[in-house]
């Protein structure tokens, strides 16, 4: 059947190509997000003192 956008086969091929492009774009976006997340992990600052040490210090000060 030929419609406003062409025959059915042409429309199917066009839609398939668009879906493939969208899928490729999504994969690229996921890869970019992953790369940024990895960079953020590298930049993550870890304190020199643990939460347990902080809590112990607070408890010892509270006894005074």
PDB file of N, CA and C in Angstrom:
ATOM      1  N   UNK A   1       0.846  -1.179   0.000  1.00  0.00           N
ATOM      2  CA  UNK A   1       0.000   0.000   0.000  1.00  0.00           C
ATOM      3  C   UNK A   1       0.895   1.247   0.000  1.00  0.00           C
ATOM      4  N   UNK A   2       0.547   2.167  -0.814  1.00  0.00           N
ATOM      5  CA  UNK A   2       1.311   3.414  -0.889  1.00  0.00           C
ATOM      6  C   UNK A   2       0.521   4.487  -0.154  1.00  0.00           C
ATOM      7  N   UNK A   3       1.159   5.088   0.818  1.00  0.00           N
ATOM      8  CA  UNK A   3       0.497   6.113   1.612  1.00  0.00           C
ATOM      9  C   UNK A   3       1.243   7.424   1.496  1.00  0.00           C
ATOM     10  N   UNK A   4       0.981   8.273   2.456  1.00  0.00           N
ATOM     11  CA  UNK A   4       1.584   9.606   2.469  1.00  0.00           C
ATOM     12  C   UNK A   4       3.109   9.555   2.535  1.00  0.00           C
ATOM     13  N   UNK A   5       3.667   8.526   3.201  1.00  0.00           N
ATOM     14  CA  UNK A   5       5.110   8.436   3.402  1.00  0.00           C
ATOM     15  C   UNK A   5       5.773   7.416   2.486  1.00  0.00           C
ATOM     16  N   UNK A   6       5.064   6.837   1.552  1.00  0.00           N
ATOM     17  CA  UNK A   6       5.626   5.843   0.647  1.00  0.00           C
ATOM     18  C   UNK A   6       4.984   4.494   0.876  1.00  0.00           C
ATOM     19  N   UNK A   7       5.526   3.494   0.200  1.00  0.00           N
ATOM     20  CA  UNK A   7       4.938   2.172   0.366  1.00  0.00           C
ATOM     21  C   UNK A   7       5.343   1.574   1.712  1.00  0.00           C
ATOM     22  N   UNK A   8       4.632   0.535   2.116  1.00  0.00           N
ATOM     23  CA  UNK A   8       4.837  -0.073   3.443  1.00  0.00           C
ATOM     24  C   UNK A   8       6.284  -0.497   3.665  1.00  0.00           C
ATOM     25  N   UNK A   9       6.901  -1.100   2.656  1.00  0.00           N
ATOM     26  CA  UNK A   9       8.266  -1.598   2.808  1.00  0.00           C
ATOM     27  C   UNK A   9       9.243  -0.450   3.021  1.00  0.00           C
ATOM     28  N   UNK A  10       9.067   0.629   2.306  1.00  0.00           N
ATOM     29  CA  UNK A  10       9.934   1.804   2.457  1.00  0.00           C
ATOM     30  C   UNK A  10       9.777   2.403   3.856  1.00  0.00           C
ATOM     31  N   UNK A  11       8.545   2.489   4.311  1.00  0.00           N
ATOM     32  CA  UNK A  11       8.280   3.028   5.647  1.00  0.00           C
ATOM     33  C   UNK A  11       8.921   2.133   6.705  1.00  0.00           C
ATOM     34  N   UNK A  12       8.782   0.814   6.555  1.00  0.00           N
ATOM     35  CA  UNK A  12       9.394  -0.122   7.515  1.00  0.00           C
ATOM     36  C   UNK A  12      10.906   0.039   7.548  1.00  0.00           C
ATOM     37  N   UNK A  13      11.514   0.124   6.354  1.00  0.00           N
ATOM     38  CA  UNK A  13      12.969   0.280   6.291  1.00  0.00           C
ATOM     39  C   UNK A  13      13.413   1.591   6.934  1.00  0.00           C
ATOM     40  N   UNK A  14      12.665   2.633   6.684  1.00  0.00           N
ATOM     41  CA  UNK A  14      12.987   3.937   7.246  1.00  0.00           C
ATOM     42  C   UNK A  14      12.876   3.919   8.774  1.00  0.00           C
ATOM     43  N   UNK A  15      11.787   3.325   9.259  1.00  0.00           N
ATOM     44  CA  UNK A  15      11.601   3.249  10.716  1.00  0.00           C
ATOM     45  C   UNK A  15      12.677   2.383  11.355  1.00  0.00           C
ATOM     46  N   UNK A  16      13.018   1.281  10.710  1.00  0.00           N
ATOM     47  CA  UNK A  16      14.063   0.401  11.231  1.00  0.00           C
ATOM     48  C   UNK A  16      15.394   1.154  11.323  1.00  0.00           C
ATOM     49  N   UNK A  17      15.709   1.916  10.281  1.00  0.00           N
ATOM     50  CA  UNK A  17      16.954   2.689  10.280  1.00  0.00           C
ATOM     51  C   UNK A  17      16.951   3.728  11.404  1.00  0.00           C
ATOM     52  N   UNK A  18      15.803   4.365  11.623  1.00  0.00           N
ATOM     53  CA  UNK A  18      15.703   5.361  12.690  1.00  0.00           C
ATOM     54  C   UNK A  18      15.891   4.712  14.061  1.00  0.00           C
ATOM     55  N   UNK A  19      15.270   3.547  14.244  1.00  0.00           N
ATOM     56  CA  UNK A  19      15.403   2.837  15.519  1.00  0.00           C
ATOM     57  C   UNK A  19      16.854   2.419  15.739  1.00  0.00           C
ATOM     58  N   UNK A  20      17.516   1.960  14.674  1.00  0.00           N
ATOM     59  CA  UNK A  20      18.928   1.582  14.783  1.00  0.00           C
ATOM     60  C   UNK A  20      19.780   2.781  15.186  1.00  0.00           C
ATOM     61  N   UNK A  21      19.506   3.930  14.584  1.00  0.00           N
ATOM     62  CA  UNK A  21      20.255   5.145  14.928  1.00  0.00           C
ATOM     63  C   UNK A  21      20.009   5.566  16.368  1.00  0.00           C
ATOM     64  N   UNK A  22      18.761   5.476  16.799  1.00  0.00           N
ATOM     65  CA  UNK A  22      18.427   5.823  18.185  1.00  0.00           C
ATOM     66  C   UNK A  22      19.141   4.875  19.139  1.00  0.00           C
ATOM     67  N   UNK A  23      19.140   3.597  18.803  1.00  0.00           N
ATOM     68  CA  UNK A  23      19.810   2.608  19.641  1.00  0.00           C
ATOM     69  C   UNK A  23      21.303   2.888  19.729  1.00  0.00           C
ATOM     70  N   UNK A  24      21.913   3.249  18.595  1.00  0.00           N
ATOM     71  CA  UNK A  24      23.340   3.574  18.572  1.00  0.00           C
ATOM     72  C   UNK A  24      23.612   4.818  19.414  1.00  0.00           C
ATOM     73  N   UNK A  25      22.733   5.823  19.287  1.00  0.00           N
ATOM     74  CA  UNK A  25      22.875   7.040  20.092  1.00  0.00           C
ATOM     75  C   UNK A  25      22.777   6.730  21.579  1.00  0.00           C
ATOM     76  N   UNK A  26      21.843   5.843  21.935  1.00  0.00           N
ATOM     77  CA  UNK A  26      21.688   5.469  23.344  1.00  0.00           C
ATOM     78  C   UNK A  26      22.938   4.764  23.849  1.00  0.00           C
ATOM     79  N   UNK A  27      23.506   3.864  23.045  1.00  0.00           N
ATOM     80  CA  UNK A  27      24.732   3.174  23.443  1.00  0.00           C
ATOM     81  C   UNK A  27      25.869   4.167  23.635  1.00  0.00           C
ATOM     82  N   UNK A  28      25.976   5.136  22.715  1.00  0.00           N
ATOM     83  CA  UNK A  28      27.020   6.157  22.846  1.00  0.00           C
ATOM     84  C   UNK A  28      26.812   6.997  24.098  1.00  0.00           C
ATOM     85  N   UNK A  29      25.561   7.338  24.379  1.00  0.00           N
ATOM     86  CA  UNK A  29      25.252   8.130  25.566  1.00  0.00           C
ATOM     87  C   UNK A  29      25.589   7.344  26.828  1.00  0.00           C
ATOM     88  N   UNK A  30      25.237   6.060  26.846  1.00  0.00           N
ATOM     89  CA  UNK A  30      25.568   5.224  28.003  1.00  0.00           C
ATOM     90  C   UNK A  30      27.075   5.158  28.207  1.00  0.00           C
ATOM     91  N   UNK A  31      27.816   5.045  27.117  1.00  0.00           N
ATOM     92  CA  UNK A  31      29.277   4.994  27.215  1.00  0.00           C
ATOM     93  C   UNK A  31      29.824   6.309  27.761  1.00  0.00           C
ATOM     94  N   UNK A  32      29.266   7.419  27.308  1.00  0.00           N
ATOM     95  CA  UNK A  32      29.706   8.724  27.806  1.00  0.00           C
ATOM     96  C   UNK A  32      29.393   8.869  29.296  1.00  0.00           C
ATOM     97  N   UNK A  33      28.199   8.432  29.704  1.00  0.00           N
ATOM     98  CA  UNK A  33      27.815   8.501  31.114  1.00  0.00           C
ATOM     99  C   UNK A  33      28.764   7.656  31.947  1.00  0.00           C
ATOM    100  N   UNK A  34      29.068   6.475  31.463  1.00  0.00           N
ATOM    101  CA  UNK A  34      29.976   5.588  32.184  1.00  0.00           C
ATOM    102  C   UNK A  34      31.358   6.226  32.335  1.00  0.00           C
ATOM    103  N   UNK A  35      31.826   6.866  31.265  1.00  0.00           N
ATOM    104  CA  UNK A  35      33.136   7.519  31.311  1.00  0.00           C
ATOM    105  C   UNK A  35      33.137   8.648  32.343  1.00  0.00           C
ATOM    106  N   UNK A  36      32.076   9.435  32.371  1.00  0.00           N
ATOM    107  CA  UNK A  36      31.973  10.537  33.333  1.00  0.00           C
ATOM    108  C   UNK A  36      31.909   9.986  34.755  1.00  0.00           C
ATOM    109  N   UNK A  37      31.145   8.902  34.942  1.00  0.00           N
ATOM    110  CA  UNK A  37      31.070   8.290  36.275  1.00  0.00           C
ATOM    111  C   UNK A  37      32.444   7.812  36.728  1.00  0.00           C
ATOM    112  N   UNK A  38      33.203   7.212  35.812  1.00  0.00           N
ATOM    113  CA  UNK A  38      34.555   6.769  36.149  1.00  0.00           C
ATOM    114  C   UNK A  38      35.447   7.947  36.530  1.00  0.00           C
ATOM    115  N   UNK A  39      35.314   9.053  35.786  1.00  0.00           N
ATOM    116  CA  UNK A  39      36.104  10.246  36.110  1.00  0.00           C
ATOM    117  C   UNK A  39      35.723  10.802  37.478  1.00  0.00           C
ATOM    118  N   UNK A  40      34.436  10.759  37.793  1.00  0.00           N
ATOM    119  CA  UNK A  40      33.991  11.248  39.096  1.00  0.00           C
ATOM    120  C   UNK A  40      34.524  10.376  40.222  1.00  0.00           C
ATOM    121  N   UNK A  41      34.602   9.078  39.987  1.00  0.00           N
ATOM    122  CA  UNK A  41      35.147   8.177  41.008  1.00  0.00           C
ATOM    123  C   UNK A  41      36.601   8.519  41.298  1.00  0.00           C
ATOM    124  N   UNK A  42      37.349   8.872  40.262  1.00  0.00           N
ATOM    125  CA  UNK A  42      38.752   9.242  40.434  1.00  0.00           C
ATOM    126  C   UNK A  42      38.851  10.514  41.260  1.00  0.00           C
ATOM    127  N   UNK A  43      37.907  11.426  41.049  1.00  0.00           N
ATOM    128  CA  UNK A  43      37.943  12.698  41.753  1.00  0.00           C
ATOM    129  C   UNK A  43      37.378  12.620  43.172  1.00  0.00           C
ATOM    130  N   UNK A  44      36.732  11.495  43.486  1.00  0.00           N
ATOM    131  CA  UNK A  44      36.099  11.352  44.798  1.00  0.00           C
ATOM    132  C   UNK A  44      37.144  11.476  45.903  1.00  0.00           C
ATOM    133  N   UNK A  45      36.862  12.342  46.839  1.00  0.00           N
ATOM    134  CA  UNK A  45      37.790  12.582  47.942  1.00  0.00           C
ATOM    135  C   UNK A  45      37.380  11.709  49.120  1.00  0.00           C
ATOM    136  N   UNK A  46      38.334  10.973  49.617  1.00  0.00           N
ATOM    137  CA  UNK A  46      38.078  10.121  50.773  1.00  0.00           C
ATOM    138  C   UNK A  46      38.731  10.762  51.987  1.00  0.00           C
ATOM    139  N   UNK A  47      37.978  10.854  53.067  1.00  0.00           N
ATOM    140  CA  UNK A  47      38.554  11.471  54.268  1.00  0.00           C
ATOM    141  C   UNK A  47      39.667  10.606  54.864  1.00  0.00           C
ATOM    142  N   UNK A  48      40.584  11.261  55.547  1.00  0.00           N
ATOM    143  CA  UNK A  48      41.685  10.540  56.187  1.00  0.00           C
ATOM    144  C   UNK A  48      41.221   9.854  57.463  1.00  0.00           C
ATOM    145  N   UNK A  49      40.036  10.190  57.913  1.00  0.00           N
ATOM    146  CA  UNK A  49      39.532   9.646  59.169  1.00  0.00           C
ATOM    147  C   UNK A  49      38.222   8.911  58.891  1.00  0.00           C
ATOM    148  N   UNK A  50      38.061   7.780  59.525  1.00  0.00           N
ATOM    149  CA  UNK A  50      36.862   6.981  59.272  1.00  0.00           C
ATOM    150  C   UNK A  50      35.691   7.470  60.123  1.00  0.00           C
ATOM    151  N   UNK A  51      34.518   7.083  59.750  1.00  0.00           N
ATOM    152  CA  UNK A  51      33.307   7.443  60.488  1.00  0.00           C
ATOM    153  C   UNK A  51      33.380   6.879  61.913  1.00  0.00           C
ATOM    154  N   UNK A  52      33.924   5.679  62.035  1.00  0.00           N
ATOM    155  CA  UNK A  52      34.069   5.061  63.366  1.00  0.00           C
ATOM    156  C   UNK A  52      34.981   5.904  64.253  1.00  0.00           C
ATOM    157  N   UNK A  53      36.083   6.372  63.697  1.00  0.00           N
ATOM    158  CA  UNK A  53      37.009   7.204  64.471  1.00  0.00           C
ATOM    159  C   UNK A  53      36.342   8.512  64.890  1.00  0.00           C
ATOM    160  N   UNK A  54      35.531   9.077  64.013  1.00  0.00           N
ATOM    161  CA  UNK A  54      34.812  10.316  64.344  1.00  0.00           C
ATOM    162  C   UNK A  54      33.851  10.055  65.499  1.00  0.00           C
ATOM    163  N   UNK A  55      33.095   8.960  65.407  1.00  0.00           N
ATOM    164  CA  UNK A  55      32.134   8.638  66.470  1.00  0.00           C
ATOM    165  C   UNK A  55      32.827   8.376  67.799  1.00  0.00           C
ATOM    166  N   UNK A  56      33.964   7.705  67.774  1.00  0.00           N
ATOM    167  CA  UNK A  56      34.728   7.456  69.007  1.00  0.00           C
ATOM    168  C   UNK A  56      35.191   8.782  69.625  1.00  0.00           C
ATOM    169  N   UNK A  57      35.671   9.675  68.772  1.00  0.00           N
ATOM    170  CA  UNK A  57      36.135  10.976  69.263  1.00  0.00           C
ATOM    171  C   UNK A  57      34.980  11.748  69.881  1.00  0.00           C
ATOM    172  N   UNK A  58      33.815  11.703  69.264  1.00  0.00           N
ATOM    173  CA  UNK A  58      32.639  12.408  69.799  1.00  0.00           C
ATOM    174  C   UNK A  58      32.257  11.827  71.154  1.00  0.00           C
ATOM    175  N   UNK A  59      32.236  10.505  71.255  1.00  0.00           N
ATOM    176  CA  UNK A  59      31.876   9.860  72.534  1.00  0.00           C
ATOM    177  C   UNK A  59      32.879  10.193  73.638  1.00  0.00           C
ATOM    178  N   UNK A  60      34.168  10.217  73.266  1.00  0.00           N
ATOM    179  CA  UNK A  60      35.176  10.499  74.298  1.00  0.00           C
ATOM    180  C   UNK A  60      35.072  11.952  74.772  1.00  0.00           C
ATOM    181  N   UNK A  61      34.717  12.864  73.894  1.00  0.00           N
ATOM    182  CA  UNK A  61      34.560  14.259  74.276  1.00  0.00           C
ATOM    183  C   UNK A  61      33.298  14.435  75.117  1.00  0.00           C
ATOM    184  N   UNK A  62      32.264  13.667  74.852  1.00  0.00           N
ATOM    185  CA  UNK A  62      31.010  13.792  75.588  1.00  0.00           C
ATOM    186  C   UNK A  62      31.174  13.378  77.051  1.00  0.00           C
ATOM    187  N   UNK A  63      32.179  12.573  77.340  1.00  0.00           N
ATOM    188  CA  UNK A  63      32.388  12.125  78.716  1.00  0.00           C
ATOM    189  C   UNK A  63      33.008  13.206  79.598  1.00  0.00           C
ATOM    190  N   UNK A  64      33.532  14.250  79.012  1.00  0.00           N
ATOM    191  CA  UNK A  64      34.155  15.304  79.808  1.00  0.00           C
ATOM    192  C   UNK A  64      33.161  16.284  80.311  1.00  0.00           C
TER     193      UNK A  64
END
